[in-house]
N, C-alpha and C. Protein backbone atom coordinates (compact mmCIF):
# COMPACT_ATOMS: atom_id res chain seq x y z
N MET A 1 0.92 8.63 6.95
CA MET A 1 0.22 8.00 8.06
C MET A 1 1.27 7.33 8.96
N PRO A 2 1.16 7.48 10.28
CA PRO A 2 2.12 6.87 11.19
C PRO A 2 2.11 5.35 11.10
N ALA A 3 3.28 4.74 11.39
CA ALA A 3 3.44 3.29 11.27
C ALA A 3 2.42 2.53 12.12
N TYR A 4 2.08 3.04 13.31
CA TYR A 4 1.15 2.32 14.19
C TYR A 4 -0.24 2.20 13.59
N ALA A 5 -0.56 3.02 12.61
CA ALA A 5 -1.87 2.95 11.97
C ALA A 5 -2.00 1.70 11.12
N TYR A 6 -0.91 1.03 10.85
CA TYR A 6 -0.90 -0.13 9.97
C TYR A 6 -0.89 -1.47 10.72
N VAL A 7 -1.14 -1.46 12.01
CA VAL A 7 -1.03 -2.68 12.81
C VAL A 7 -1.94 -3.79 12.27
N ASP A 8 -3.18 -3.47 11.96
CA ASP A 8 -4.11 -4.49 11.45
C ASP A 8 -3.62 -5.07 10.13
N GLU A 9 -3.15 -4.20 9.25
CA GLU A 9 -2.64 -4.67 7.96
C GLU A 9 -1.37 -5.50 8.15
N PHE A 10 -0.53 -5.08 9.07
CA PHE A 10 0.68 -5.85 9.38
C PHE A 10 0.31 -7.26 9.81
N GLU A 11 -0.64 -7.37 10.72
CA GLU A 11 -1.06 -8.69 11.20
C GLU A 11 -1.60 -9.55 10.06
N ARG A 12 -2.34 -8.94 9.14
CA ARG A 12 -2.86 -9.70 8.00
C ARG A 12 -1.74 -10.18 7.10
N GLU A 13 -0.76 -9.34 6.81
CA GLU A 13 0.32 -9.70 5.89
C GLU A 13 1.30 -10.70 6.51
N TYR A 14 1.62 -10.52 7.79
CA TYR A 14 2.67 -11.31 8.43
C TYR A 14 2.15 -12.49 9.24
N GLY A 15 0.86 -12.59 9.42
CA GLY A 15 0.28 -13.67 10.20
C GLY A 15 0.32 -15.01 9.47
N PRO A 16 -0.09 -16.08 10.13
CA PRO A 16 -0.02 -17.43 9.59
C PRO A 16 -0.82 -17.66 8.31
N GLN A 17 -1.78 -16.79 8.02
CA GLN A 17 -2.55 -16.90 6.78
C GLN A 17 -2.25 -15.76 5.81
N GLY A 18 -1.24 -14.97 6.13
CA GLY A 18 -0.93 -13.78 5.34
C GLY A 18 -0.09 -14.04 4.11
N SER A 19 0.26 -12.96 3.45
CA SER A 19 1.01 -13.02 2.20
C SER A 19 2.36 -13.71 2.35
N TRP A 20 3.04 -13.42 3.47
CA TRP A 20 4.36 -14.06 3.66
C TRP A 20 4.22 -15.56 3.79
N ALA A 21 3.32 -16.01 4.63
CA ALA A 21 3.12 -17.45 4.81
C ALA A 21 2.66 -18.09 3.51
N GLU A 22 1.85 -17.39 2.75
CA GLU A 22 1.40 -17.91 1.45
C GLU A 22 2.59 -18.14 0.51
N LEU A 23 3.52 -17.20 0.50
CA LEU A 23 4.72 -17.37 -0.31
C LEU A 23 5.57 -18.53 0.21
N LEU A 24 5.79 -18.59 1.50
CA LEU A 24 6.63 -19.63 2.08
C LEU A 24 6.04 -21.02 1.87
N ARG A 25 4.71 -21.13 1.91
CA ARG A 25 4.05 -22.43 1.72
C ARG A 25 4.33 -23.05 0.35
N GLN A 26 4.76 -22.26 -0.59
CA GLN A 26 5.07 -22.78 -1.93
C GLN A 26 6.37 -23.58 -1.95
N ALA A 27 7.17 -23.47 -0.90
CA ALA A 27 8.48 -24.10 -0.88
C ALA A 27 8.48 -25.39 -0.07
N PRO A 28 9.13 -26.43 -0.61
CA PRO A 28 9.29 -27.66 0.16
C PRO A 28 10.10 -27.38 1.44
N GLY A 29 9.67 -27.98 2.52
CA GLY A 29 10.41 -27.83 3.78
C GLY A 29 9.86 -26.77 4.71
N TYR A 30 8.92 -25.95 4.23
CA TYR A 30 8.30 -24.95 5.10
C TYR A 30 7.33 -25.65 6.05
N LEU A 31 7.36 -25.28 7.33
CA LEU A 31 6.50 -25.89 8.33
C LEU A 31 5.37 -24.97 8.79
N GLN A 32 5.71 -23.76 9.25
CA GLN A 32 4.68 -22.87 9.76
C GLN A 32 5.25 -21.48 10.05
N THR A 33 4.33 -20.53 10.17
CA THR A 33 4.66 -19.17 10.59
C THR A 33 3.88 -18.85 11.85
N LEU A 34 4.57 -18.27 12.81
CA LEU A 34 3.94 -17.78 14.04
C LEU A 34 4.12 -16.27 14.08
N LEU A 35 3.10 -15.56 14.50
CA LEU A 35 3.19 -14.12 14.70
C LEU A 35 2.89 -13.86 16.17
N LEU A 36 3.87 -13.32 16.88
CA LEU A 36 3.73 -13.07 18.31
C LEU A 36 3.71 -11.56 18.56
N ARG A 37 2.78 -11.11 19.38
CA ARG A 37 2.68 -9.69 19.74
C ARG A 37 3.24 -9.50 21.14
N ASP A 38 4.04 -8.48 21.32
CA ASP A 38 4.61 -8.14 22.62
C ASP A 38 3.47 -7.75 23.57
N SER A 39 3.43 -8.34 24.74
CA SER A 39 2.34 -8.07 25.69
C SER A 39 2.47 -6.70 26.34
N THR A 40 3.62 -6.04 26.22
CA THR A 40 3.79 -4.71 26.81
C THR A 40 3.83 -3.60 25.76
N ASP A 41 3.94 -3.95 24.49
CA ASP A 41 3.95 -2.96 23.41
C ASP A 41 3.18 -3.56 22.24
N SER A 42 1.94 -3.16 22.08
CA SER A 42 1.05 -3.77 21.08
C SER A 42 1.47 -3.48 19.64
N ARG A 43 2.52 -2.67 19.45
CA ARG A 43 3.00 -2.40 18.10
C ARG A 43 4.30 -3.14 17.79
N ARG A 44 4.72 -4.02 18.69
CA ARG A 44 5.95 -4.78 18.47
C ARG A 44 5.61 -6.26 18.32
N PHE A 45 6.20 -6.86 17.29
CA PHE A 45 5.91 -8.25 16.95
C PHE A 45 7.19 -9.03 16.73
N VAL A 46 7.07 -10.33 16.86
CA VAL A 46 8.11 -11.26 16.45
C VAL A 46 7.45 -12.25 15.49
N THR A 47 8.07 -12.43 14.34
CA THR A 47 7.59 -13.46 13.43
C THR A 47 8.57 -14.62 13.48
N ILE A 48 8.03 -15.82 13.48
CA ILE A 48 8.84 -17.03 13.50
C ILE A 48 8.38 -17.89 12.33
N ASP A 49 9.31 -18.12 11.42
CA ASP A 49 9.04 -19.01 10.29
C ASP A 49 9.80 -20.29 10.55
N ARG A 50 9.08 -21.40 10.59
CA ARG A 50 9.69 -22.69 10.89
C ARG A 50 9.92 -23.48 9.61
N TRP A 51 11.11 -24.07 9.52
CA TRP A 51 11.53 -24.85 8.36
C TRP A 51 12.04 -26.20 8.83
N GLU A 52 11.97 -27.18 7.94
CA GLU A 52 12.50 -28.51 8.27
C GLU A 52 13.99 -28.47 8.54
N SER A 53 14.69 -27.57 7.84
CA SER A 53 16.15 -27.49 7.98
C SER A 53 16.63 -26.14 7.47
N PRO A 54 17.83 -25.75 7.87
CA PRO A 54 18.42 -24.53 7.30
C PRO A 54 18.56 -24.62 5.79
N GLU A 55 18.84 -25.80 5.29
CA GLU A 55 18.98 -25.99 3.84
C GLU A 55 17.66 -25.73 3.11
N ALA A 56 16.55 -26.15 3.69
CA ALA A 56 15.24 -25.90 3.08
C ALA A 56 15.00 -24.40 2.96
N TYR A 57 15.37 -23.66 3.99
CA TYR A 57 15.22 -22.20 3.93
C TYR A 57 16.14 -21.60 2.86
N ARG A 58 17.37 -22.05 2.80
CA ARG A 58 18.30 -21.54 1.77
C ARG A 58 17.77 -21.83 0.37
N ARG A 59 17.23 -23.02 0.17
CA ARG A 59 16.65 -23.35 -1.14
C ARG A 59 15.48 -22.43 -1.47
N PHE A 60 14.64 -22.16 -0.48
CA PHE A 60 13.53 -21.24 -0.68
C PHE A 60 14.04 -19.86 -1.09
N ARG A 61 15.00 -19.32 -0.36
CA ARG A 61 15.51 -17.98 -0.66
C ARG A 61 16.11 -17.92 -2.06
N SER A 62 16.74 -18.99 -2.49
CA SER A 62 17.32 -19.03 -3.83
C SER A 62 16.23 -19.13 -4.89
N ALA A 63 15.29 -20.02 -4.70
CA ALA A 63 14.26 -20.27 -5.71
C ALA A 63 13.22 -19.16 -5.79
N PHE A 64 12.96 -18.47 -4.70
CA PHE A 64 11.90 -17.47 -4.65
C PHE A 64 12.45 -16.07 -4.39
N SER A 65 13.67 -15.83 -4.79
CA SER A 65 14.33 -14.55 -4.53
C SER A 65 13.53 -13.36 -5.05
N ALA A 66 13.07 -13.42 -6.29
CA ALA A 66 12.34 -12.30 -6.88
C ALA A 66 11.02 -12.06 -6.16
N GLN A 67 10.27 -13.13 -5.88
CA GLN A 67 8.99 -12.99 -5.19
C GLN A 67 9.19 -12.43 -3.77
N TYR A 68 10.25 -12.90 -3.10
CA TYR A 68 10.58 -12.42 -1.76
C TYR A 68 10.85 -10.92 -1.78
N THR A 69 11.68 -10.49 -2.73
CA THR A 69 12.03 -9.08 -2.84
C THR A 69 10.80 -8.23 -3.14
N ASP A 70 9.95 -8.69 -4.05
CA ASP A 70 8.73 -7.95 -4.38
C ASP A 70 7.82 -7.79 -3.17
N LEU A 71 7.61 -8.87 -2.44
CA LEU A 71 6.74 -8.82 -1.26
C LEU A 71 7.36 -7.95 -0.17
N ASP A 72 8.65 -8.05 0.00
CA ASP A 72 9.34 -7.23 0.99
C ASP A 72 9.15 -5.74 0.68
N ARG A 73 9.27 -5.39 -0.58
CA ARG A 73 9.05 -3.98 -0.98
C ARG A 73 7.61 -3.55 -0.71
N ARG A 74 6.67 -4.43 -1.03
CA ARG A 74 5.25 -4.10 -0.84
C ARG A 74 4.91 -3.90 0.64
N CYS A 75 5.56 -4.66 1.50
CA CYS A 75 5.25 -4.60 2.94
C CYS A 75 6.15 -3.65 3.72
N GLU A 76 7.11 -3.06 3.05
CA GLU A 76 8.10 -2.21 3.72
C GLU A 76 7.45 -1.10 4.56
N ARG A 77 6.39 -0.53 4.06
CA ARG A 77 5.74 0.58 4.77
C ARG A 77 5.06 0.14 6.07
N LEU A 78 4.93 -1.16 6.28
CA LEU A 78 4.25 -1.67 7.47
C LEU A 78 5.19 -1.84 8.66
N THR A 79 6.47 -1.67 8.43
CA THR A 79 7.44 -1.87 9.51
C THR A 79 8.26 -0.60 9.73
N VAL A 80 8.69 -0.44 10.96
CA VAL A 80 9.59 0.65 11.31
C VAL A 80 11.02 0.14 11.27
N ARG A 81 11.21 -1.08 11.76
CA ARG A 81 12.54 -1.67 11.82
C ARG A 81 12.41 -3.19 11.83
N GLU A 82 13.32 -3.85 11.16
CA GLU A 82 13.41 -5.31 11.19
C GLU A 82 14.76 -5.69 11.76
N THR A 83 14.75 -6.62 12.69
CA THR A 83 16.00 -7.09 13.30
C THR A 83 15.99 -8.61 13.30
N LEU A 84 16.99 -9.21 12.68
CA LEU A 84 17.12 -10.67 12.73
C LEU A 84 17.60 -11.05 14.11
N LEU A 85 16.82 -11.83 14.81
CA LEU A 85 17.18 -12.26 16.16
C LEU A 85 18.12 -13.45 16.14
N GLY A 86 18.12 -14.18 15.03
CA GLY A 86 19.01 -15.34 14.90
C GLY A 86 18.32 -16.45 14.14
N ASN A 87 19.04 -17.53 14.00
CA ASN A 87 18.53 -18.76 13.39
C ASN A 87 18.61 -19.82 14.47
N PHE A 88 17.49 -20.38 14.81
CA PHE A 88 17.40 -21.26 15.97
C PHE A 88 17.01 -22.68 15.55
N ASP A 89 17.53 -23.64 16.30
CA ASP A 89 17.17 -25.04 16.13
C ASP A 89 16.26 -25.43 17.29
N GLU A 90 15.27 -26.25 17.01
CA GLU A 90 14.38 -26.75 18.04
C GLU A 90 15.14 -27.74 18.92
N THR A 91 14.98 -27.62 20.22
CA THR A 91 15.64 -28.55 21.13
C THR A 91 14.82 -29.82 21.26
N THR A 92 15.46 -30.87 21.64
CA THR A 92 14.77 -32.14 21.81
C THR A 92 14.52 -32.46 23.27
N VAL A 93 14.89 -31.58 24.16
CA VAL A 93 14.73 -31.80 25.60
C VAL A 93 13.37 -31.37 26.05
């Protein structure tokens, strides 16, 4: 089945109430997940996971490594490509 056929399932898994956010919520320092859809390409998304600090995210990745890997494998068929855009800090301005 083509990747675009999985858009609804992708939104469920990667959205703020999805499996990824459910896993992240188990870790101290997790704040929220945002799922943004491209307004010109309905099959392209950006996910933003917000953390209190880079250290909180590092602790999560260390403590939940196995669960992260398992979920990543389960959701692999829902994506065509993943690209890390960067690690950003919220501005105070």
